[in-house]
Amino acid sequence: MTDAPQPAQPAGVTAGECPLCGGPVTATADRCPDCGRSLLGVDGRPGPFSRRTLWWWAGGLLAIYLVVLAIVVATS
């Protein structure tokens, strides 16, 4: 049984391991190529939500809550 040649990594790209399966991942990968686990927020990668995005979501949910509250108050 012969092993297929592995593609060489570009210079300057460091490899790491997936925290779930231990498979090799590149420093810029968002998901593990073996198990598919999200690597966002792992080993210095940016997280899935930025602080600005979190505030937009909170503001949107607050706006929906206030609209529903206004409807409930108006109909009672």
PDB file of N, CA and C in Angstrom:
ATOM      1  N   MET A   1       0.841  -1.165   0.000  1.00  0.00           N
ATOM      2  CA  MET A   1       0.000   0.000   0.000  1.00  0.00           C
ATOM      3  C   MET A   1       0.890   1.234   0.000  1.00  0.00           C
ATOM      4  N   THR A   2       0.730   2.090  -0.974  1.00  0.00           N
ATOM      5  CA  THR A   2       1.561   3.293  -1.071  1.00  0.00           C
ATOM      6  C   THR A   2       0.764   4.495  -0.583  1.00  0.00           C
ATOM      7  N   ASP A   3       1.459   5.372   0.070  1.00  0.00           N
ATOM      8  CA  ASP A   3       0.827   6.598   0.545  1.00  0.00           C
ATOM      9  C   ASP A   3       0.887   7.653  -0.547  1.00  0.00           C
ATOM     10  N   ALA A   4      -0.208   8.368  -0.710  1.00  0.00           N
ATOM     11  CA  ALA A   4      -0.238   9.466  -1.676  1.00  0.00           C
ATOM     12  C   ALA A   4       0.641  10.590  -1.153  1.00  0.00           C
ATOM     13  N   PRO A   5       1.352  11.268  -2.030  1.00  0.00           N
ATOM     14  CA  PRO A   5       2.206  12.368  -1.566  1.00  0.00           C
ATOM     15  C   PRO A   5       1.356  13.494  -0.988  1.00  0.00           C
ATOM     16  N   GLN A   6       1.804  14.018   0.144  1.00  0.00           N
ATOM     17  CA  GLN A   6       1.102  15.118   0.793  1.00  0.00           C
ATOM     18  C   GLN A   6       1.530  16.433   0.142  1.00  0.00           C
ATOM     19  N   PRO A   7       0.565  17.346  -0.089  1.00  0.00           N
ATOM     20  CA  PRO A   7       0.941  18.633  -0.671  1.00  0.00           C
ATOM     21  C   PRO A   7       1.802  19.419   0.310  1.00  0.00           C
ATOM     22  N   ALA A   8       2.803  20.076  -0.215  1.00  0.00           N
ATOM     23  CA  ALA A   8       3.700  20.860   0.625  1.00  0.00           C
ATOM     24  C   ALA A   8       3.002  22.138   1.059  1.00  0.00           C
ATOM     25  N   GLN A   9       3.250  22.557   2.300  1.00  0.00           N
ATOM     26  CA  GLN A   9       2.670  23.795   2.785  1.00  0.00           C
ATOM     27  C   GLN A   9       3.515  24.959   2.287  1.00  0.00           C
ATOM     28  N   PRO A  10       2.865  26.081   1.991  1.00  0.00           N
ATOM     29  CA  PRO A  10       3.632  27.257   1.569  1.00  0.00           C
ATOM     30  C   PRO A  10       4.557  27.724   2.685  1.00  0.00           C
ATOM     31  N   ALA A  11       5.609  28.389   2.302  1.00  0.00           N
ATOM     32  CA  ALA A  11       6.570  28.889   3.286  1.00  0.00           C
ATOM     33  C   ALA A  11       5.894  29.907   4.188  1.00  0.00           C
ATOM     34  N   GLY A  12       6.190  29.872   5.472  1.00  0.00           N
ATOM     35  CA  GLY A  12       5.645  30.821   6.426  1.00  0.00           C
ATOM     36  C   GLY A  12       4.323  30.385   7.034  1.00  0.00           C
ATOM     37  N   VAL A  13       3.748  29.284   6.595  1.00  0.00           N
ATOM     38  CA  VAL A  13       2.489  28.803   7.159  1.00  0.00           C
ATOM     39  C   VAL A  13       2.815  27.706   8.154  1.00  0.00           C
ATOM     40  N   THR A  14       2.442  27.931   9.396  1.00  0.00           N
ATOM     41  CA  THR A  14       2.707  26.928  10.419  1.00  0.00           C
ATOM     42  C   THR A  14       1.508  26.003  10.550  1.00  0.00           C
ATOM     43  N   ALA A  15       1.774  24.778  10.865  1.00  0.00           N
ATOM     44  CA  ALA A  15       0.710  23.790  11.026  1.00  0.00           C
ATOM     45  C   ALA A  15       0.430  23.601  12.502  1.00  0.00           C
ATOM     46  N   GLY A  16      -0.779  23.179  12.816  1.00  0.00           N
ATOM     47  CA  GLY A  16      -1.165  22.876  14.186  1.00  0.00           C
ATOM     48  C   GLY A  16      -1.962  21.593  14.197  1.00  0.00           C
ATOM     49  N   GLU A  17      -2.557  21.315  15.326  1.00  0.00           N
ATOM     50  CA  GLU A  17      -3.383  20.120  15.462  1.00  0.00           C
ATOM     51  C   GLU A  17      -4.791  20.525  15.833  1.00  0.00           C
ATOM     52  N   CYS A  18      -5.746  19.764  15.344  1.00  0.00           N
ATOM     53  CA  CYS A  18      -7.147  19.956  15.703  1.00  0.00           C
ATOM     54  C   CYS A  18      -7.320  19.557  17.165  1.00  0.00           C
ATOM     55  N   PRO A  19      -7.990  20.387  17.978  1.00  0.00           N
ATOM     56  CA  PRO A  19      -8.169  20.018  19.377  1.00  0.00           C
ATOM     57  C   PRO A  19      -9.120  18.839  19.577  1.00  0.00           C
ATOM     58  N   LEU A  20      -9.929  18.491  18.568  1.00  0.00           N
ATOM     59  CA  LEU A  20     -10.872  17.396  18.704  1.00  0.00           C
ATOM     60  C   LEU A  20     -10.284  16.065  18.247  1.00  0.00           C
ATOM     61  N   CYS A  21      -9.759  16.037  17.001  1.00  0.00           N
ATOM     62  CA  CYS A  21      -9.289  14.755  16.456  1.00  0.00           C
ATOM     63  C   CYS A  21      -7.773  14.651  16.377  1.00  0.00           C
ATOM     64  N   GLY A  22      -7.058  15.768  16.552  1.00  0.00           N
ATOM     65  CA  GLY A  22      -5.603  15.742  16.491  1.00  0.00           C
ATOM     66  C   GLY A  22      -5.052  15.768  15.083  1.00  0.00           C
ATOM     67  N   GLY A  23      -5.906  15.961  14.085  1.00  0.00           N
ATOM     68  CA  GLY A  23      -5.461  16.009  12.697  1.00  0.00           C
ATOM     69  C   GLY A  23      -4.706  17.294  12.397  1.00  0.00           C
ATOM     70  N   PRO A  24      -3.873  17.277  11.386  1.00  0.00           N
ATOM     71  CA  PRO A  24      -3.104  18.479  11.044  1.00  0.00           C
ATOM     72  C   PRO A  24      -3.990  19.545  10.392  1.00  0.00           C
ATOM     73  N   VAL A  25      -3.788  20.785  10.810  1.00  0.00           N
ATOM     74  CA  VAL A  25      -4.500  21.922  10.227  1.00  0.00           C
ATOM     75  C   VAL A  25      -3.504  23.044   9.960  1.00  0.00           C
ATOM     76  N   THR A  26      -3.807  23.841   8.953  1.00  0.00           N
ATOM     77  CA  THR A  26      -2.950  24.994   8.664  1.00  0.00           C
ATOM     78  C   THR A  26      -3.314  26.133   9.602  1.00  0.00           C
ATOM     79  N   ALA A  27      -2.460  27.119   9.686  1.00  0.00           N
ATOM     80  CA  ALA A  27      -2.673  28.244  10.594  1.00  0.00           C
ATOM     81  C   ALA A  27      -3.847  29.107  10.164  1.00  0.00           C
ATOM     82  N   THR A  28      -4.239  29.055   8.901  1.00  0.00           N
ATOM     83  CA  THR A  28      -5.322  29.899   8.409  1.00  0.00           C
ATOM     84  C   THR A  28      -6.633  29.144   8.215  1.00  0.00           C
ATOM     85  N   ALA A  29      -6.673  27.866   8.562  1.00  0.00           N
ATOM     86  CA  ALA A  29      -7.879  27.062   8.350  1.00  0.00           C
ATOM     87  C   ALA A  29      -8.979  27.462   9.324  1.00  0.00           C
ATOM     88  N   ASP A  30     -10.224  27.531   8.820  1.00  0.00           N
ATOM     89  CA  ASP A  30     -11.371  27.812   9.674  1.00  0.00           C
ATOM     90  C   ASP A  30     -12.001  26.535  10.206  1.00  0.00           C
ATOM     91  N   ARG A  31     -11.783  25.423   9.514  1.00  0.00           N
ATOM     92  CA  ARG A  31     -12.331  24.121   9.923  1.00  0.00           C
ATOM     93  C   ARG A  31     -11.260  23.053   9.761  1.00  0.00           C
ATOM     94  N   CYS A  32     -11.372  22.019  10.582  1.00  0.00           N
ATOM     95  CA  CYS A  32     -10.465  20.882  10.462  1.00  0.00           C
ATOM     96  C   CYS A  32     -10.845  20.102   9.207  1.00  0.00           C
ATOM     97  N   PRO A  33      -9.877  19.786   8.341  1.00  0.00           N
ATOM     98  CA  PRO A  33     -10.214  19.039   7.132  1.00  0.00           C
ATOM     99  C   PRO A  33     -10.600  17.585   7.404  1.00  0.00           C
ATOM    100  N   ASP A  34     -10.224  17.048   8.562  1.00  0.00           N
ATOM    101  CA  ASP A  34     -10.544  15.657   8.883  1.00  0.00           C
ATOM    102  C   ASP A  34     -11.924  15.498   9.516  1.00  0.00           C
ATOM    103  N   CYS A  35     -12.197  16.262  10.592  1.00  0.00           N
ATOM    104  CA  CYS A  35     -13.455  16.070  11.325  1.00  0.00           C
ATOM    105  C   CYS A  35     -14.462  17.190  11.101  1.00  0.00           C
ATOM    106  N   GLY A  36     -14.028  18.327  10.560  1.00  0.00           N
ATOM    107  CA  GLY A  36     -14.935  19.427  10.270  1.00  0.00           C
ATOM    108  C   GLY A  36     -15.210  20.359  11.435  1.00  0.00           C
ATOM    109  N   ARG A  37     -14.510  20.186  12.555  1.00  0.00           N
ATOM    110  CA  ARG A  37     -14.734  21.053  13.719  1.00  0.00           C
ATOM    111  C   ARG A  37     -14.323  22.472  13.392  1.00  0.00           C
ATOM    112  N   SER A  38     -15.135  23.433  13.846  1.00  0.00           N
ATOM    113  CA  SER A  38     -14.809  24.841  13.657  1.00  0.00           C
ATOM    114  C   SER A  38     -13.605  25.196  14.515  1.00  0.00           C
ATOM    115  N   LEU A  39     -12.649  25.897  13.936  1.00  0.00           N
ATOM    116  CA  LEU A  39     -11.445  26.291  14.658  1.00  0.00           C
ATOM    117  C   LEU A  39     -11.459  27.773  15.023  1.00  0.00           C
ATOM    118  N   LEU A  40     -12.604  28.434  14.863  1.00  0.00           N
ATOM    119  CA  LEU A  40     -12.705  29.852  15.192  1.00  0.00           C
ATOM    120  C   LEU A  40     -12.545  30.035  16.690  1.00  0.00           C
ATOM    121  N   GLY A  41     -11.665  30.935  17.086  1.00  0.00           N
ATOM    122  CA  GLY A  41     -11.394  31.180  18.491  1.00  0.00           C
ATOM    123  C   GLY A  41     -10.358  30.259  19.097  1.00  0.00           C
ATOM    124  N   VAL A  42      -9.736  29.391  18.299  1.00  0.00           N
ATOM    125  CA  VAL A  42      -8.743  28.431  18.788  1.00  0.00           C
ATOM    126  C   VAL A  42      -7.357  28.868  18.321  1.00  0.00           C
ATOM    127  N   ASP A  43      -6.379  28.792  19.186  1.00  0.00           N
ATOM    128  CA  ASP A  43      -4.974  29.092  18.872  1.00  0.00           C
ATOM    129  C   ASP A  43      -4.782  30.474  18.255  1.00  0.00           C
ATOM    130  N   GLY A  44      -5.445  31.476  18.804  1.00  0.00           N
ATOM    131  CA  GLY A  44      -5.248  32.846  18.355  1.00  0.00           C
ATOM    132  C   GLY A  44      -6.037  33.236  17.114  1.00  0.00           C
ATOM    133  N   ARG A  45      -6.851  32.344  16.595  1.00  0.00           N
ATOM    134  CA  ARG A  45      -7.697  32.701  15.457  1.00  0.00           C
ATOM    135  C   ARG A  45      -8.821  33.608  15.943  1.00  0.00           C
ATOM    136  N   PRO A  46      -9.318  34.479  15.071  1.00  0.00           N
ATOM    137  CA  PRO A  46     -10.438  35.323  15.511  1.00  0.00           C
ATOM    138  C   PRO A  46     -11.676  34.478  15.798  1.00  0.00           C
ATOM    139  N   GLY A  47     -12.473  34.924  16.747  1.00  0.00           N
ATOM    140  CA  GLY A  47     -13.682  34.206  17.130  1.00  0.00           C
ATOM    141  C   GLY A  47     -14.774  34.345  16.089  1.00  0.00           C
ATOM    142  N   PRO A  48     -15.865  33.598  16.258  1.00  0.00           N
ATOM    143  CA  PRO A  48     -16.940  33.633  15.276  1.00  0.00           C
ATOM    144  C   PRO A  48     -17.688  34.959  15.257  1.00  0.00           C
ATOM    145  N   PHE A  49     -17.716  35.683  16.378  1.00  0.00           N
ATOM    146  CA  PHE A  49     -18.400  36.970  16.445  1.00  0.00           C
ATOM    147  C   PHE A  49     -17.428  38.036  16.899  1.00  0.00           C
ATOM    148  N   SER A  50     -17.452  39.152  16.232  1.00  0.00           N
ATOM    149  CA  SER A  50     -16.680  40.287  16.713  1.00  0.00           C
ATOM    150  C   SER A  50     -17.544  41.032  17.731  1.00  0.00           C
ATOM    151  N   ARG A  51     -16.947  41.899  18.486  1.00  0.00           N
ATOM    152  CA  ARG A  51     -17.689  42.664  19.489  1.00  0.00           C
ATOM    153  C   ARG A  51     -18.757  43.533  18.824  1.00  0.00           C
ATOM    154  N   ARG A  52     -18.420  44.089  17.678  1.00  0.00           N
ATOM    155  CA  ARG A  52     -19.375  44.933  16.951  1.00  0.00           C
ATOM    156  C   ARG A  52     -20.584  44.112  16.501  1.00  0.00           C
ATOM    157  N   THR A  53     -20.371  42.919  15.989  1.00  0.00           N
ATOM    158  CA  THR A  53     -21.463  42.054  15.556  1.00  0.00           C
ATOM    159  C   THR A  53     -22.356  41.688  16.736  1.00  0.00           C
ATOM    160  N   LEU A  54     -21.756  41.421  17.877  1.00  0.00           N
ATOM    161  CA  LEU A  54     -22.518  41.080  19.069  1.00  0.00           C
ATOM    162  C   LEU A  54     -23.437  42.232  19.469  1.00  0.00           C
ATOM    163  N   TRP A  55     -22.943  43.463  19.419  1.00  0.00           N
ATOM    164  CA  TRP A  55     -23.769  44.621  19.756  1.00  0.00           C
ATOM    165  C   TRP A  55     -24.906  44.804  18.755  1.00  0.00           C
ATOM    166  N   TRP A  56     -24.668  44.553  17.471  1.00  0.00           N
ATOM    167  CA  TRP A  56     -25.735  44.657  16.474  1.00  0.00           C
ATOM    168  C   TRP A  56     -26.826  43.627  16.748  1.00  0.00           C
ATOM    169  N   TRP A  57     -26.430  42.397  17.091  1.00  0.00           N
ATOM    170  CA  TRP A  57     -27.413  41.357  17.421  1.00  0.00           C
ATOM    171  C   TRP A  57     -28.212  41.748  18.655  1.00  0.00           C
ATOM    172  N   ALA A  58     -27.553  42.248  19.695  1.00  0.00           N
ATOM    173  CA  ALA A  58     -28.239  42.657  20.917  1.00  0.00           C
ATOM    174  C   ALA A  58     -29.210  43.794  20.626  1.00  0.00           C
ATOM    175  N   GLY A  59     -28.800  44.765  19.822  1.00  0.00           N
ATOM    176  CA  GLY A  59     -29.688  45.868  19.456  1.00  0.00           C
ATOM    177  C   GLY A  59     -30.886  45.396  18.655  1.00  0.00           C
ATOM    178  N   GLY A  60     -30.663  44.458  17.746  1.00  0.00           N
ATOM    179  CA  GLY A  60     -31.759  43.915  16.944  1.00  0.00           C
ATOM    180  C   GLY A  60     -32.770  43.161  17.792  1.00  0.00           C
ATOM    181  N   LEU A  61     -32.279  42.350  18.711  1.00  0.00           N
ATOM    182  CA  LEU A  61     -33.179  41.613  19.604  1.00  0.00           C
ATOM    183  C   LEU A  61     -33.946  42.557  20.526  1.00  0.00           C
ATOM    184  N   LEU A  62     -33.301  43.608  20.985  1.00  0.00           N
ATOM    185  CA  LEU A  62     -33.977  44.597  21.821  1.00  0.00           C
ATOM    186  C   LEU A  62     -35.075  45.302  21.027  1.00  0.00           C
ATOM    187  N   ALA A  63     -34.798  45.636  19.777  1.00  0.00           N
ATOM    188  CA  ALA A  63     -35.801  46.280  18.927  1.00  0.00           C
ATOM    189  C   ALA A  63     -37.008  45.366  18.718  1.00  0.00           C
ATOM    190  N   ILE A  64     -36.778  44.095  18.467  1.00  0.00           N
ATOM    191  CA  ILE A  64     -37.877  43.138  18.297  1.00  0.00           C
ATOM    192  C   ILE A  64     -38.683  43.033  19.587  1.00  0.00           C
ATOM    193  N   TYR A  65     -38.011  42.971  20.720  1.00  0.00           N
ATOM    194  CA  TYR A  65     -38.696  42.897  22.007  1.00  0.00           C
ATOM    195  C   TYR A  65     -39.582  44.120  22.216  1.00  0.00           C
ATOM    196  N   LEU A  66     -39.070  45.318  21.910  1.00  0.00           N
ATOM    197  CA  LEU A  66     -39.844  46.537  22.110  1.00  0.00           C
ATOM    198  C   LEU A  66     -41.052  46.593  21.179  1.00  0.00           C
ATOM    199  N   VAL A  67     -40.925  46.122  19.954  1.00  0.00           N
ATOM    200  CA  VAL A  67     -42.060  46.092  19.023  1.00  0.00           C
ATOM    201  C   VAL A  67     -43.128  45.126  19.540  1.00  0.00           C
ATOM    202  N   VAL A  68     -42.729  43.950  19.978  1.00  0.00           N
ATOM    203  CA  VAL A  68     -43.695  42.989  20.511  1.00  0.00           C
ATOM    204  C   VAL A  68     -44.348  43.537  21.776  1.00  0.00           C
ATOM    205  N   LEU A  69     -43.593  44.170  22.641  1.00  0.00           N
ATOM    206  CA  LEU A  69     -44.137  44.772  23.844  1.00  0.00           C
ATOM    207  C   LEU A  69     -45.154  45.852  23.490  1.00  0.00           C
ATOM    208  N   ALA A  70     -44.861  46.676  22.513  1.00  0.00           N
ATOM    209  CA  ALA A  70     -45.787  47.731  22.092  1.00  0.00           C
ATOM    210  C   ALA A  70     -47.083  47.138  21.551  1.00  0.00           C
ATOM    211  N   ILE A  71     -46.980  46.050  20.814  1.00  0.00           N
ATOM    212  CA  ILE A  71     -48.175  45.391  20.274  1.00  0.00           C
ATOM    213  C   ILE A  71     -49.024  44.816  21.402  1.00  0.00           C
ATOM    214  N   VAL A  72     -48.378  44.190  22.382  1.00  0.00           N
ATOM    215  CA  VAL A  72     -49.116  43.615  23.511  1.00  0.00           C
ATOM    216  C   VAL A  72     -49.814  44.711  24.313  1.00  0.00           C
ATOM    217  N   VAL A  73     -49.131  45.820  24.559  1.00  0.00           N
ATOM    218  CA  VAL A  73     -49.722  46.914  25.315  1.00  0.00           C
ATOM    219  C   VAL A  73     -50.875  47.540  24.534  1.00  0.00           C
ATOM    220  N   ALA A  74     -50.731  47.670  23.220  1.00  0.00           N
ATOM    221  CA  ALA A  74     -51.771  48.287  22.399  1.00  0.00           C
ATOM    222  C   ALA A  74     -53.010  47.430  22.287  1.00  0.00           C
ATOM    223  N   THR A  75     -52.874  46.120  22.366  1.00  0.00           N
ATOM    224  CA  THR A  75     -54.035  45.232  22.200  1.00  0.00           C
ATOM    225  C   THR A  75     -54.694  44.876  23.529  1.00  0.00           C
ATOM    226  N   SER A  76     -54.111  45.264  24.655  1.00  0.00           N
ATOM    227  CA  SER A  76     -54.742  44.905  25.930  1.00  0.00           C
ATOM    228  C   SER A  76     -55.526  46.045  26.524  1.00  0.00           C
TER     229      SER A  76
END
